[in-house]
Amino acid sequence: MAIHQMLKRSLSAGKRSSSKGGTDVPKGHFAVYVGDNEKKRFIIPVSYLNHPSFQDLLYQAEEEFGFDHPMGSLTIPCSEDLFMDVISFLGRR
């Protein structure tokens, strides 16, 4: 399945949770859960989806979870440290 389809499914799930009283995500951003065991929620810009480094993380998520995300949102199965390194790199670009 393509990245755009993965994003569309994740964002539509996020909209449903927001309408049910979940925390709001600013326009142009989306929520992801990150971590090997304990999951931490991050709000990141949609623009990160275009970067190959972030797309690698999405492929890892697809391989581990498919599209059955246990947290009700996109879950990325990597360490929080690795995720923060990727996000910091993308934030400098």
Protein backbone atom coordinates (compact mmCIF):
# COMPACT_ATOMS: atom_id res chain seq x y z
CA MET A 1 0.00 0.00 0.00
CA ALA A 2 1.31 3.48 -0.88
CA ILE A 3 2.40 6.08 1.67
CA HIS A 4 -0.48 8.34 0.65
CA GLN A 5 -3.01 5.60 1.39
CA MET A 6 -1.32 4.92 4.72
CA LEU A 7 -1.50 8.62 5.60
CA LYS A 8 -5.12 8.93 4.51
CA ARG A 9 -6.13 6.00 6.75
CA SER A 10 -4.14 7.37 9.70
CA LEU A 11 -5.50 10.89 9.35
CA SER A 12 -9.09 9.73 8.99
CA ALA A 13 -8.72 7.66 12.16
CA GLY A 14 -7.31 10.73 13.90
CA LYS A 15 -10.28 12.85 12.83
CA ARG A 16 -12.66 10.27 14.25
CA SER A 17 -10.88 10.23 17.61
CA SER A 18 -10.85 14.06 17.76
CA SER A 19 -14.59 14.20 17.24
CA LYS A 20 -15.04 11.81 20.15
CA GLY A 21 -13.31 14.12 22.60
CA GLY A 22 -9.68 13.17 21.90
CA THR A 23 -6.97 15.79 22.07
CA ASP A 24 -6.87 18.13 19.10
CA VAL A 25 -4.15 18.02 16.50
CA PRO A 26 -3.36 21.32 14.76
CA LYS A 27 -4.13 21.62 11.07
CA GLY A 28 -1.18 20.46 8.99
CA HIS A 29 0.01 18.02 11.67
CA PHE A 30 -0.74 14.46 12.72
CA ALA A 31 -0.22 12.29 15.77
CA VAL A 32 2.05 9.28 15.93
CA TYR A 33 2.84 6.91 18.76
CA VAL A 34 6.48 5.92 19.09
CA GLY A 35 8.33 3.40 21.19
CA ASP A 36 9.27 -0.23 21.52
CA ASN A 37 7.33 -0.99 24.71
CA GLU A 38 5.85 2.15 26.21
CA LYS A 39 4.35 4.34 23.49
CA LYS A 40 4.70 8.13 23.56
CA ARG A 41 2.51 10.42 21.45
CA PHE A 42 4.10 13.03 19.18
CA ILE A 43 2.46 15.67 16.99
CA ILE A 44 4.46 16.26 13.83
CA PRO A 45 4.03 18.28 10.62
CA VAL A 46 2.51 16.51 7.62
CA SER A 47 5.42 17.85 5.54
CA TYR A 48 7.70 15.23 7.18
CA LEU A 49 5.90 12.56 5.17
CA ASN A 50 7.81 13.60 2.05
CA HIS A 51 11.23 12.90 3.54
CA PRO A 52 12.87 9.52 2.84
CA SER A 53 14.03 9.17 6.46
CA PHE A 54 10.48 9.45 7.74
CA GLN A 55 9.17 7.19 4.98
CA ASP A 56 11.59 4.52 6.21
CA LEU A 57 9.93 4.72 9.61
CA LEU A 58 6.51 4.38 7.97
CA TYR A 59 7.62 1.25 6.14
CA GLN A 60 8.78 -0.21 9.47
CA ALA A 61 5.35 0.53 10.91
CA GLU A 62 3.65 -1.15 7.96
CA GLU A 63 5.85 -4.24 8.29
CA GLU A 64 5.23 -4.60 12.02
CA PHE A 65 1.59 -3.56 12.33
CA GLY A 66 0.11 -3.51 8.84
CA PHE A 67 -2.84 -1.17 9.13
CA ASP A 68 -4.17 -2.47 12.43
CA HIS A 69 -2.73 0.22 14.69
CA PRO A 70 -3.18 -0.81 18.33
CA MET A 71 -3.16 2.79 19.61
CA GLY A 72 -5.93 3.91 17.22
CA SER A 73 -3.42 6.07 15.40
CA LEU A 74 -0.20 5.58 13.50
CA THR A 75 2.29 3.64 15.64
CA ILE A 76 5.97 3.61 14.71
CA PRO A 77 7.93 0.66 16.15
CA CYS A 78 11.29 2.25 16.88
CA SER A 79 13.03 3.63 19.91
CA GLU A 80 12.08 7.12 21.02
CA ASP A 81 15.74 8.14 20.64
CA LEU A 82 15.86 7.07 16.98
CA PHE A 83 12.57 8.87 16.29
CA MET A 84 13.85 12.05 17.95
CA ASP A 85 17.05 11.86 15.85
CA VAL A 86 15.01 11.61 12.64
CA ILE A 87 12.63 14.41 13.68
CA SER A 88 15.54 16.66 14.71
CA PHE A 89 17.20 16.04 11.34
CA LEU A 90 13.98 16.87 9.48
CA GLY A 91 13.41 20.00 11.59
CA ARG A 92 16.77 21.40 10.47
CA ARG A 93 15.94 21.06 6.79
